């Protein structure tokens, strides 16, 4: 019976904290109003991956939830209310998968540190801003392609989390996010080089 009380109070603490800190990504002034069933689904999804206790990890859990909801809001139509989107059980389960993967993974900002030391990225960056590419296509085109590559890194990171992949080491982030993105983007850059500025 004591275990049940502890579990209930853990959920209550989670529920209270969620309602105080989690904001609607489309309107940061408003808390995100989810019903108890939805909160229980999120809580039941995240609980098994918490190694200590919900009390000890509460702020990390809330950060994972907020960043996951931000990622969701970037992917859904801006005219769709996030609460309505979450009302669909399939969508809610995808969000819970992202939250649990996100909680266990290195923060997204780690990409920015790792990419500058990654050989595949350095080679691509050197080619992109090299004399030949810039001479044929202009600096603006090189800059635009570089910005698109950076967006691709972050998009791929979230795609992997939505699939349930845990990116908990530098090696995983480098191989599955940075290097896979560079490989696919290398083709785009070659096409531009072959076709000139209109390529």
N, C-alpha and C. Protein backbone atom coordinates (compact mmCIF):
# COMPACT_ATOMS: atom_id res chain seq x y z
N UNK A 1 0.82 -1.20 0.00
CA UNK A 1 0.00 0.00 0.00
C UNK A 1 0.86 1.26 0.00
N UNK A 2 2.00 1.22 0.72
CA UNK A 2 2.90 2.38 0.78
C UNK A 2 3.45 2.70 -0.60
N UNK A 3 3.73 1.66 -1.40
CA UNK A 3 4.26 1.86 -2.75
C UNK A 3 3.24 2.62 -3.60
N UNK A 4 1.96 2.27 -3.46
CA UNK A 4 0.91 2.94 -4.24
C UNK A 4 0.81 4.41 -3.85
N UNK A 5 0.89 4.69 -2.56
CA UNK A 5 0.84 6.08 -2.11
C UNK A 5 2.01 6.88 -2.67
N UNK A 6 3.20 6.25 -2.65
CA UNK A 6 4.39 6.92 -3.16
C UNK A 6 4.22 7.21 -4.65
N UNK A 7 3.70 6.21 -5.39
CA UNK A 7 3.48 6.36 -6.82
C UNK A 7 2.49 7.49 -7.10
N UNK A 8 1.40 7.52 -6.34
CA UNK A 8 0.40 8.56 -6.52
C UNK A 8 0.99 9.93 -6.21
N UNK A 9 1.76 10.03 -5.15
CA UNK A 9 2.33 11.33 -4.81
C UNK A 9 3.39 11.74 -5.84
N UNK A 10 4.09 10.78 -6.43
CA UNK A 10 5.05 11.08 -7.50
C UNK A 10 4.33 11.66 -8.70
N UNK A 11 3.22 11.03 -9.07
CA UNK A 11 2.44 11.54 -10.20
C UNK A 11 1.87 12.92 -9.89
N UNK A 12 1.38 13.11 -8.66
CA UNK A 12 0.84 14.42 -8.28
C UNK A 12 1.90 15.50 -8.36
N UNK A 13 3.10 15.18 -7.92
CA UNK A 13 4.20 16.15 -7.99
C UNK A 13 4.53 16.47 -9.45
N UNK A 14 4.56 15.44 -10.28
CA UNK A 14 4.80 15.62 -11.71
C UNK A 14 3.71 16.50 -12.33
N UNK A 15 2.48 16.16 -12.02
CA UNK A 15 1.32 16.87 -12.55
C UNK A 15 1.36 18.36 -12.16
N UNK A 16 1.64 18.62 -10.89
CA UNK A 16 1.71 20.00 -10.40
C UNK A 16 2.83 20.78 -11.07
N UNK A 17 3.99 20.14 -11.17
CA UNK A 17 5.15 20.82 -11.77
C UNK A 17 4.89 21.09 -13.26
N UNK A 18 4.32 20.10 -13.96
CA UNK A 18 4.00 20.27 -15.38
C UNK A 18 3.11 21.49 -15.56
N UNK A 19 2.07 21.57 -14.77
CA UNK A 19 1.09 22.67 -14.92
C UNK A 19 1.71 24.03 -14.59
N UNK A 20 2.75 24.04 -13.77
CA UNK A 20 3.40 25.31 -13.42
C UNK A 20 4.42 25.75 -14.47
N UNK A 21 5.15 24.81 -15.06
CA UNK A 21 6.28 25.23 -15.89
C UNK A 21 6.15 24.99 -17.39
N UNK A 22 5.35 24.03 -17.82
CA UNK A 22 5.31 23.71 -19.25
C UNK A 22 4.41 24.71 -19.97
N UNK A 23 5.00 25.34 -20.97
CA UNK A 23 4.32 26.39 -21.73
C UNK A 23 4.00 25.91 -23.13
N UNK A 24 2.90 26.45 -23.66
CA UNK A 24 2.52 26.17 -25.04
C UNK A 24 3.57 26.80 -25.95
N UNK A 25 4.25 26.00 -26.79
CA UNK A 25 5.30 26.56 -27.65
C UNK A 25 4.82 27.68 -28.58
N UNK A 26 3.53 27.66 -28.93
CA UNK A 26 3.01 28.69 -29.83
C UNK A 26 2.65 29.97 -29.09
N UNK A 27 2.47 29.87 -27.78
CA UNK A 27 2.17 31.05 -26.97
C UNK A 27 2.78 30.85 -25.59
N UNK A 28 4.00 31.31 -25.44
CA UNK A 28 4.76 31.08 -24.20
C UNK A 28 4.11 31.67 -22.95
N UNK A 29 3.16 32.57 -23.14
CA UNK A 29 2.48 33.15 -21.97
C UNK A 29 1.47 32.19 -21.36
N UNK A 30 1.06 31.17 -22.14
CA UNK A 30 0.04 30.25 -21.67
C UNK A 30 0.62 28.90 -21.28
N UNK A 31 0.18 28.38 -20.13
CA UNK A 31 0.57 27.01 -19.80
C UNK A 31 -0.09 26.05 -20.79
N UNK A 32 0.52 24.90 -21.00
CA UNK A 32 -0.07 23.89 -21.89
C UNK A 32 -1.05 23.07 -21.06
N UNK A 33 -2.31 23.17 -21.38
CA UNK A 33 -3.35 22.49 -20.60
C UNK A 33 -3.64 21.11 -21.15
N UNK A 34 -3.05 20.11 -20.55
CA UNK A 34 -3.34 18.72 -20.91
C UNK A 34 -4.21 18.12 -19.82
N UNK A 35 -5.04 17.16 -20.19
CA UNK A 35 -5.90 16.54 -19.18
C UNK A 35 -5.10 15.48 -18.39
N UNK A 36 -5.69 14.99 -17.32
CA UNK A 36 -5.01 14.04 -16.44
C UNK A 36 -4.59 12.76 -17.15
N UNK A 37 -5.43 12.29 -18.06
CA UNK A 37 -5.11 11.07 -18.80
C UNK A 37 -3.86 11.27 -19.66
N UNK A 38 -3.76 12.41 -20.34
CA UNK A 38 -2.60 12.71 -21.17
C UNK A 38 -1.35 12.85 -20.31
N UNK A 39 -1.49 13.52 -19.17
CA UNK A 39 -0.35 13.67 -18.26
C UNK A 39 0.10 12.31 -17.73
N UNK A 40 -0.86 11.44 -17.44
CA UNK A 40 -0.53 10.10 -16.95
C UNK A 40 0.21 9.31 -18.03
N UNK A 41 -0.19 9.47 -19.29
CA UNK A 41 0.50 8.80 -20.39
C UNK A 41 1.95 9.26 -20.48
N UNK A 42 2.17 10.56 -20.37
CA UNK A 42 3.54 11.10 -20.39
C UNK A 42 4.32 10.60 -19.19
N UNK A 43 3.70 10.67 -18.02
CA UNK A 43 4.36 10.21 -16.79
C UNK A 43 4.74 8.73 -16.87
N UNK A 44 3.80 7.90 -17.34
CA UNK A 44 4.07 6.46 -17.46
C UNK A 44 5.15 6.18 -18.50
N UNK A 45 5.27 7.03 -19.51
CA UNK A 45 6.31 6.86 -20.52
C UNK A 45 7.69 7.22 -20.00
N UNK A 46 7.77 8.30 -19.25
CA UNK A 46 9.08 8.79 -18.78
C UNK A 46 9.57 8.05 -17.53
N UNK A 47 8.65 7.59 -16.67
CA UNK A 47 9.03 6.98 -15.40
C UNK A 47 10.04 5.83 -15.51
N UNK A 48 9.85 4.88 -16.45
CA UNK A 48 10.79 3.74 -16.51
C UNK A 48 12.23 4.12 -16.85
N UNK A 49 12.44 5.28 -17.47
CA UNK A 49 13.82 5.65 -17.85
C UNK A 49 14.49 6.57 -16.84
N UNK A 50 13.77 6.90 -15.76
CA UNK A 50 14.36 7.72 -14.70
C UNK A 50 15.08 6.79 -13.73
N UNK A 51 16.39 6.97 -13.59
CA UNK A 51 17.19 6.05 -12.79
C UNK A 51 17.10 6.32 -11.29
N UNK A 52 16.87 7.56 -10.91
CA UNK A 52 16.79 7.87 -9.47
C UNK A 52 15.32 7.96 -9.07
N UNK A 53 14.78 9.17 -9.04
CA UNK A 53 13.35 9.35 -8.74
C UNK A 53 12.86 10.56 -9.51
N UNK A 54 11.57 10.63 -9.68
CA UNK A 54 10.97 11.77 -10.38
C UNK A 54 11.28 13.06 -9.64
N UNK A 55 11.39 12.97 -8.32
CA UNK A 55 11.68 14.17 -7.52
C UNK A 55 13.09 14.67 -7.80
N UNK A 56 14.05 13.75 -7.89
CA UNK A 56 15.44 14.14 -8.14
C UNK A 56 15.65 14.64 -9.56
N UNK A 57 14.87 14.12 -10.49
CA UNK A 57 15.06 14.44 -11.91
C UNK A 57 13.99 15.36 -12.49
N UNK A 58 13.17 15.96 -11.63
CA UNK A 58 12.02 16.72 -12.09
C UNK A 58 12.37 17.80 -13.11
N UNK A 59 13.41 18.57 -12.85
CA UNK A 59 13.73 19.67 -13.77
C UNK A 59 14.25 19.15 -15.11
N UNK A 60 15.02 18.07 -15.08
CA UNK A 60 15.48 17.46 -16.34
C UNK A 60 14.29 16.91 -17.13
N UNK A 61 13.35 16.32 -16.43
CA UNK A 61 12.14 15.79 -17.07
C UNK A 61 11.36 16.93 -17.72
N UNK A 62 11.19 18.03 -16.99
CA UNK A 62 10.44 19.17 -17.52
C UNK A 62 11.15 19.79 -18.72
N UNK A 63 12.47 19.84 -18.67
CA UNK A 63 13.24 20.36 -19.82
C UNK A 63 13.06 19.46 -21.03
N UNK A 64 13.11 18.14 -20.82
CA UNK A 64 12.91 17.19 -21.92
C UNK A 64 11.52 17.36 -22.52
N UNK A 65 10.52 17.52 -21.67
CA UNK A 65 9.15 17.68 -22.16
C UNK A 65 9.02 18.97 -22.97
N UNK A 66 9.54 20.07 -22.43
CA UNK A 66 9.40 21.36 -23.13
C UNK A 66 10.13 21.33 -24.47
N UNK A 67 11.35 20.79 -24.51
CA UNK A 67 12.09 20.77 -25.78
C UNK A 67 11.41 19.82 -26.78
N UNK A 68 10.82 18.74 -26.29
CA UNK A 68 10.08 17.84 -27.18
C UNK A 68 8.85 18.52 -27.75
N UNK A 69 8.12 19.23 -26.92
CA UNK A 69 6.93 19.95 -27.40
C UNK A 69 7.31 21.05 -28.38
N UNK A 70 8.45 21.70 -28.15
CA UNK A 70 8.95 22.70 -29.10
C UNK A 70 9.23 22.05 -30.45
N UNK A 71 9.85 20.86 -30.42
CA UNK A 71 10.16 20.13 -31.66
C UNK A 71 8.87 19.74 -32.39
N UNK A 72 7.86 19.34 -31.63
CA UNK A 72 6.57 18.98 -32.23
C UNK A 72 5.95 20.20 -32.89
N UNK A 73 5.95 21.33 -32.19
CA UNK A 73 5.29 22.52 -32.73
C UNK A 73 5.99 23.02 -33.99
N UNK A 74 7.28 22.76 -34.13
CA UNK A 74 8.00 23.15 -35.35
C UNK A 74 7.60 22.26 -36.53
N UNK A 75 7.09 21.06 -36.26
CA UNK A 75 6.77 20.11 -37.32
C UNK A 75 5.29 20.11 -37.72
N UNK A 76 4.43 20.62 -36.86
CA UNK A 76 3.00 20.59 -37.20
C UNK A 76 2.58 21.92 -37.81
N UNK A 77 1.50 21.89 -38.53
CA UNK A 77 0.93 23.08 -39.15
C UNK A 77 0.68 24.12 -38.05
N UNK A 78 1.13 25.34 -38.30
CA UNK A 78 1.01 26.40 -37.30
C UNK A 78 -0.45 26.75 -36.99
N UNK A 79 -1.37 26.34 -37.86
CA UNK A 79 -2.79 26.61 -37.62
C UNK A 79 -3.42 25.57 -36.69
N UNK A 80 -2.67 24.49 -36.39
CA UNK A 80 -3.20 23.43 -35.54
C UNK A 80 -2.87 23.75 -34.08
N UNK A 81 -3.88 23.67 -33.26
CA UNK A 81 -3.70 23.85 -31.82
C UNK A 81 -2.95 22.62 -31.28
N UNK A 82 -1.89 22.84 -30.52
CA UNK A 82 -1.07 21.73 -30.02
C UNK A 82 -1.87 20.78 -29.14
N UNK A 83 -2.76 21.31 -28.33
CA UNK A 83 -3.59 20.45 -27.47
C UNK A 83 -4.46 19.55 -28.34
N UNK A 84 -5.03 20.10 -29.41
CA UNK A 84 -5.84 19.28 -30.32
C UNK A 84 -4.99 18.19 -30.97
N UNK A 85 -3.78 18.56 -31.34
CA UNK A 85 -2.86 17.59 -31.95
C UNK A 85 -2.56 16.45 -30.97
N UNK A 86 -2.33 16.81 -29.72
CA UNK A 86 -2.02 15.82 -28.68
C UNK A 86 -3.23 14.95 -28.36
N UNK A 87 -4.44 15.44 -28.61
CA UNK A 87 -5.65 14.65 -28.35
C UNK A 87 -5.70 13.36 -29.17
N UNK A 88 -4.95 13.31 -30.26
CA UNK A 88 -4.85 12.10 -31.06
C UNK A 88 -3.85 11.16 -30.37
N UNK A 89 -4.29 9.95 -30.03
CA UNK A 89 -3.44 9.01 -29.28
C UNK A 89 -2.15 8.66 -30.00
N UNK A 90 -2.21 8.56 -31.33
CA UNK A 90 -0.99 8.25 -32.10
C UNK A 90 0.02 9.38 -31.95
N UNK A 91 -0.45 10.61 -32.06
CA UNK A 91 0.43 11.77 -31.89
C UNK A 91 1.00 11.82 -30.48
N UNK A 92 0.14 11.57 -29.50
CA UNK A 92 0.60 11.59 -28.10
C UNK A 92 1.68 10.54 -27.88
N UNK A 93 1.50 9.36 -28.43
CA UNK A 93 2.51 8.30 -28.26
C UNK A 93 3.83 8.67 -28.93
N UNK A 94 3.77 9.33 -30.09
CA UNK A 94 5.00 9.80 -30.75
C UNK A 94 5.71 10.84 -29.87
N UNK A 95 4.92 11.72 -29.26
CA UNK A 95 5.49 12.75 -28.38
C UNK A 95 6.14 12.10 -27.16
N UNK A 96 5.46 11.12 -26.58
CA UNK A 96 6.02 10.43 -25.41
C UNK A 96 7.33 9.73 -25.79
N UNK A 97 7.37 9.12 -26.98
CA UNK A 97 8.60 8.47 -27.44
C UNK A 97 9.72 9.49 -27.56
N UNK A 98 9.40 10.66 -28.12
CA UNK A 98 10.41 11.73 -28.25
C UNK A 98 10.88 12.18 -26.87
N UNK A 99 9.94 12.38 -25.95
CA UNK A 99 10.30 12.84 -24.60
C UNK A 99 11.24 11.85 -23.92
N UNK A 100 10.91 10.56 -23.99
CA UNK A 100 11.75 9.56 -23.30
C UNK A 100 13.12 9.46 -23.96
N UNK A 101 13.17 9.51 -25.29
CA UNK A 101 14.46 9.48 -25.98
C UNK A 101 15.26 10.75 -25.68
N UNK A 102 14.57 11.87 -25.70
CA UNK A 102 15.18 13.17 -25.43
C UNK A 102 15.79 13.20 -24.02
N UNK A 103 15.04 12.70 -23.05
CA UNK A 103 15.50 12.67 -21.66
C UNK A 103 16.82 11.90 -21.52
N UNK A 104 16.95 10.81 -22.28
CA UNK A 104 18.13 9.94 -22.16
C UNK A 104 19.28 10.36 -23.08
N UNK A 105 19.05 11.32 -23.96
CA UNK A 105 20.03 11.70 -24.97
C UNK A 105 20.85 12.92 -24.56
N UNK A 106 21.96 13.10 -25.27
CA UNK A 106 22.73 14.33 -25.11
C UNK A 106 21.87 15.49 -25.61
N UNK A 107 22.05 16.68 -25.02
CA UNK A 107 21.24 17.81 -25.47
C UNK A 107 21.53 18.16 -26.93
N UNK A 108 20.53 18.70 -27.59
CA UNK A 108 20.63 19.06 -29.00
C UNK A 108 21.81 20.00 -29.27
N UNK A 109 22.11 20.87 -28.32
CA UNK A 109 23.20 21.83 -28.48
C UNK A 109 24.56 21.15 -28.68
N UNK A 110 24.65 19.89 -28.28
CA UNK A 110 25.91 19.14 -28.43
C UNK A 110 26.32 19.04 -29.89
N UNK A 111 25.33 19.05 -30.81
CA UNK A 111 25.62 18.99 -32.24
C UNK A 111 26.56 20.12 -32.63
N UNK A 112 26.30 21.33 -32.12
CA UNK A 112 27.10 22.51 -32.49
C UNK A 112 28.55 22.38 -32.07
N UNK A 113 28.80 21.66 -31.00
CA UNK A 113 30.18 21.45 -30.53
C UNK A 113 30.85 20.35 -31.34
N UNK A 114 30.13 19.25 -31.54
CA UNK A 114 30.70 18.10 -32.23
C UNK A 114 30.97 18.35 -33.71
N UNK A 115 30.10 19.12 -34.36
CA UNK A 115 30.25 19.28 -35.82
C UNK A 115 31.56 19.97 -36.19
N UNK A 116 32.01 20.92 -35.39
CA UNK A 116 33.24 21.65 -35.76
C UNK A 116 34.48 20.78 -35.66
N UNK A 117 34.39 19.66 -34.94
CA UNK A 117 35.53 18.74 -34.81
C UNK A 117 35.36 17.50 -35.68
N UNK A 118 34.24 17.40 -36.37
CA UNK A 118 33.95 16.22 -37.18
C UNK A 118 34.62 16.34 -38.55
N UNK A 119 35.40 15.33 -38.94
CA UNK A 119 36.17 15.37 -40.19
C UNK A 119 35.26 15.50 -41.42
N UNK A 120 34.18 14.71 -41.47
CA UNK A 120 33.27 14.75 -42.62
C UNK A 120 32.69 16.16 -42.78
N UNK A 121 32.29 16.76 -41.67
CA UNK A 121 31.74 18.12 -41.72
C UNK A 121 32.81 19.12 -42.16
N UNK A 122 34.03 18.99 -41.62
CA UNK A 122 35.11 19.92 -41.97
C UNK A 122 35.42 19.87 -43.46
N UNK A 123 35.45 18.66 -44.04
CA UNK A 123 35.72 18.52 -45.48
C UNK A 123 34.62 19.19 -46.29
N UNK A 124 33.37 18.93 -45.92
CA UNK A 124 32.25 19.54 -46.63
C UNK A 124 32.29 21.06 -46.51
N UNK A 125 32.57 21.56 -45.32
CA UNK A 125 32.62 23.01 -45.10
C UNK A 125 33.75 23.63 -45.92
N UNK A 126 34.91 22.96 -45.96
CA UNK A 126 36.03 23.46 -46.76
C UNK A 126 35.67 23.52 -48.24
N UNK A 127 34.98 22.48 -48.74
CA UNK A 127 34.54 22.48 -50.14
C UNK A 127 33.52 23.58 -50.41
N UNK A 128 32.60 23.73 -49.49
CA UNK A 128 31.52 24.69 -49.66
C UNK A 128 32.03 26.13 -49.70
N UNK A 129 32.97 26.44 -48.82
CA UNK A 129 33.50 27.81 -48.76
C UNK A 129 34.85 27.95 -49.46
N UNK A 130 35.21 26.91 -50.21
CA UNK A 130 36.46 26.94 -50.97
C UNK A 130 36.37 27.87 -52.17
N UNK A 131 37.53 28.20 -52.71
CA UNK A 131 37.62 29.13 -53.83
C UNK A 131 36.80 28.68 -55.04
N UNK A 132 36.85 27.38 -55.36
CA UNK A 132 36.15 26.88 -56.55
C UNK A 132 34.64 27.03 -56.41
N UNK A 133 34.08 26.58 -55.28
CA UNK A 133 32.62 26.64 -55.12
C UNK A 133 32.14 28.09 -55.04
N UNK A 134 32.79 28.89 -54.22
CA UNK A 134 32.38 30.30 -54.06
C UNK A 134 32.58 31.05 -55.37
N UNK A 135 33.67 30.75 -56.08
CA UNK A 135 33.94 31.41 -57.36
C UNK A 135 32.86 31.13 -58.39
N UNK A 136 32.36 29.91 -58.41
CA UNK A 136 31.33 29.52 -59.40
C UNK A 136 29.91 29.86 -58.96
N UNK A 137 29.65 29.86 -57.66
CA UNK A 137 28.27 29.99 -57.18
C UNK A 137 28.01 31.19 -56.29
N UNK A 138 29.07 31.83 -55.85
CA UNK A 138 28.91 32.99 -54.98
C UNK A 138 28.86 32.62 -53.50
N UNK A 139 29.26 33.57 -52.67
CA UNK A 139 29.30 33.33 -51.22
C UNK A 139 27.89 33.14 -50.66
N UNK A 140 26.93 33.90 -51.19
CA UNK A 140 25.55 33.80 -50.68
C UNK A 140 25.00 32.39 -50.82
N UNK A 141 25.29 31.75 -51.97
CA UNK A 141 24.82 30.38 -52.21
C UNK A 141 25.49 29.43 -51.22
N UNK A 142 26.79 29.61 -51.02
CA UNK A 142 27.52 28.76 -50.07
C UNK A 142 26.95 28.93 -48.66
N UNK A 143 26.68 30.16 -48.28
CA UNK A 143 26.14 30.45 -46.96
C UNK A 143 24.74 29.84 -46.81
N UNK A 144 23.91 29.98 -47.84
CA UNK A 144 22.56 29.42 -47.81
C UNK A 144 22.60 27.90 -47.65
N UNK A 145 23.45 27.24 -48.41
CA UNK A 145 23.58 25.78 -48.32
C UNK A 145 24.08 25.35 -46.94
N UNK A 146 25.00 26.13 -46.40
CA UNK A 146 25.53 25.83 -45.06
C UNK A 146 24.43 25.94 -44.01
N UNK A 147 23.62 26.99 -44.10
CA UNK A 147 22.50 27.17 -43.15
C UNK A 147 21.51 26.01 -43.26
N UNK A 148 21.24 25.56 -44.48
CA UNK A 148 20.34 24.43 -44.69
C UNK A 148 20.91 23.15 -44.07
N UNK A 149 22.24 22.99 -44.18
CA UNK A 149 22.89 21.82 -43.58
C UNK A 149 22.73 21.84 -42.06
N UNK A 150 22.93 23.00 -41.46
CA UNK A 150 22.79 23.10 -40.00
C UNK A 150 21.37 22.77 -39.57
N UNK A 151 20.38 23.22 -40.34
CA UNK A 151 18.98 22.89 -40.04
C UNK A 151 18.75 21.39 -40.18
N UNK A 152 19.39 20.79 -41.18
CA UNK A 152 19.26 19.35 -41.40
C UNK A 152 19.79 18.56 -40.20
N UNK A 153 20.91 19.00 -39.61
CA UNK A 153 21.44 18.34 -38.41
C UNK A 153 20.37 18.28 -37.33
N UNK A 154 19.77 19.42 -37.06
CA UNK A 154 18.80 19.51 -35.95
C UNK A 154 17.51 18.77 -36.28
N UNK A 155 17.10 18.83 -37.52
CA UNK A 155 15.90 18.11 -37.94
C UNK A 155 16.13 16.59 -37.82
N UNK A 156 17.29 16.13 -38.27
CA UNK A 156 17.61 14.70 -38.20
C UNK A 156 17.68 14.23 -36.74
N UNK A 157 18.27 15.04 -35.88
CA UNK A 157 18.35 14.73 -34.44
C UNK A 157 16.95 14.45 -33.90
N UNK A 158 16.00 15.34 -34.19
CA UNK A 158 14.64 15.16 -33.68
C UNK A 158 13.92 14.00 -34.36
N UNK A 159 14.16 13.80 -35.64
CA UNK A 159 13.56 12.65 -36.33
C UNK A 159 13.96 11.34 -35.64
N UNK A 160 15.23 11.25 -35.27
CA UNK A 160 15.73 10.04 -34.59
C UNK A 160 15.07 9.87 -33.22
N UNK A 161 14.88 10.98 -32.51
CA UNK A 161 14.22 10.90 -31.19
C UNK A 161 12.77 10.47 -31.35
N UNK A 162 12.08 10.97 -32.37
CA UNK A 162 10.69 10.55 -32.62
C UNK A 162 10.60 9.06 -32.92
N UNK A 163 11.68 8.49 -33.49
CA UNK A 163 11.71 7.06 -33.78
C UNK A 163 12.10 6.22 -32.56
N UNK A 164 12.45 6.90 -31.46
CA UNK A 164 12.81 6.18 -30.24
C UNK A 164 14.30 5.92 -30.07
N UNK A 165 15.12 6.53 -30.93
CA UNK A 165 16.58 6.36 -30.81
C UNK A 165 17.10 7.21 -29.66
N UNK A 166 17.98 6.64 -28.87
CA UNK A 166 18.62 7.37 -27.78
C UNK A 166 20.01 7.77 -28.24
N UNK A 167 20.29 9.06 -28.24
CA UNK A 167 21.57 9.59 -28.70
C UNK A 167 22.36 10.04 -27.48
N UNK A 168 22.87 9.05 -26.76
CA UNK A 168 23.47 9.33 -25.45
C UNK A 168 25.00 9.38 -25.45
N UNK A 169 25.63 9.29 -26.63
CA UNK A 169 27.09 9.41 -26.70
C UNK A 169 27.46 10.34 -27.85
N UNK A 170 28.65 10.93 -27.75
CA UNK A 170 29.14 11.77 -28.85
C UNK A 170 29.21 10.96 -30.15
N UNK A 171 29.63 9.70 -30.04
CA UNK A 171 29.78 8.85 -31.23
C UNK A 171 28.44 8.66 -31.95
N UNK A 172 27.37 8.44 -31.18
CA UNK A 172 26.06 8.27 -31.80
C UNK A 172 25.60 9.54 -32.49
N UNK A 173 25.81 10.68 -31.86
CA UNK A 173 25.41 11.95 -32.46
C UNK A 173 26.22 12.19 -33.74
N UNK A 174 27.52 11.92 -33.67
CA UNK A 174 28.35 12.13 -34.86
C UNK A 174 27.98 11.21 -36.01
N UNK A 175 27.81 9.91 -35.71
CA UNK A 175 27.57 8.95 -36.80
C UNK A 175 26.16 9.03 -37.35
N UNK A 176 25.15 9.17 -36.49
CA UNK A 176 23.77 9.12 -36.97
C UNK A 176 23.19 10.48 -37.34
N UNK A 177 23.73 11.54 -36.78
CA UNK A 177 23.19 12.87 -37.07
C UNK A 177 24.12 13.61 -38.04
N UNK A 178 25.35 13.87 -37.60
CA UNK A 178 26.25 14.72 -38.39
C UNK A 178 26.70 14.02 -39.67
N UNK A 179 27.27 12.82 -39.55
CA UNK A 179 27.84 12.17 -40.73
C UNK A 179 26.78 11.73 -41.72
N UNK A 180 25.64 11.23 -41.25
CA UNK A 180 24.55 10.86 -42.17
C UNK A 180 24.02 12.09 -42.90
N UNK A 181 23.90 13.20 -42.20
CA UNK A 181 23.42 14.44 -42.83
C UNK A 181 24.43 14.93 -43.86
N UNK A 182 25.71 14.90 -43.51
CA UNK A 182 26.77 15.34 -44.43
C UNK A 182 26.76 14.47 -45.68
N UNK A 183 26.62 13.15 -45.51
CA UNK A 183 26.59 12.24 -46.67
C UNK A 183 25.45 12.60 -47.61
N UNK A 184 24.27 12.82 -47.08
CA UNK A 184 23.13 13.13 -47.94
C UNK A 184 23.27 14.54 -48.54
N UNK A 185 23.85 15.45 -47.80
CA UNK A 185 23.97 16.83 -48.28
C UNK A 185 25.09 17.00 -49.28
N UNK A 186 26.08 16.13 -49.22
CA UNK A 186 27.20 16.15 -50.15
C UNK A 186 26.69 16.05 -51.59
N UNK A 187 25.64 15.24 -51.78
CA UNK A 187 25.02 15.07 -53.11
C UNK A 187 24.44 16.41 -53.58
N UNK A 188 23.76 17.12 -52.70
CA UNK A 188 23.17 18.42 -53.04
C UNK A 188 24.24 19.40 -53.49
N UNK A 189 25.35 19.42 -52.77
CA UNK A 189 26.43 20.35 -53.10
C UNK A 189 27.06 19.99 -54.44
N UNK A 190 27.22 18.68 -54.71
CA UNK A 190 27.77 18.26 -55.99
C UNK A 190 26.84 18.66 -57.15
N UNK A 191 25.56 18.53 -56.93
CA UNK A 191 24.57 18.92 -57.96
C UNK A 191 24.67 20.42 -58.26
N UNK A 192 24.85 21.23 -57.22
CA UNK A 192 24.99 22.67 -57.42
C UNK A 192 26.28 22.95 -58.17
N UNK A 193 27.37 22.26 -57.80
CA UNK A 193 28.65 22.46 -58.48
C UNK A 193 28.55 22.12 -59.96
N UNK A 194 27.87 21.03 -60.27
CA UNK A 194 27.74 20.59 -61.66
C UNK A 194 26.80 21.50 -62.45
N UNK A 195 25.76 22.01 -61.79
CA UNK A 195 24.78 22.83 -62.49
C UNK A 195 25.00 24.31 -62.39
N UNK A 196 26.05 24.73 -61.67
CA UNK A 196 26.30 26.16 -61.47
C UNK A 196 25.27 26.73 -60.52
N UNK A 197 25.08 28.01 -60.55
CA UNK A 197 24.21 28.69 -59.60
C UNK A 197 22.76 28.26 -59.73
N UNK A 198 22.34 27.81 -60.88
CA UNK A 198 20.95 27.39 -61.07
C UNK A 198 20.73 25.94 -60.72
N UNK A 199 21.80 25.21 -60.29
CA UNK A 199 21.70 23.79 -60.03
C UNK A 199 20.96 23.46 -58.80
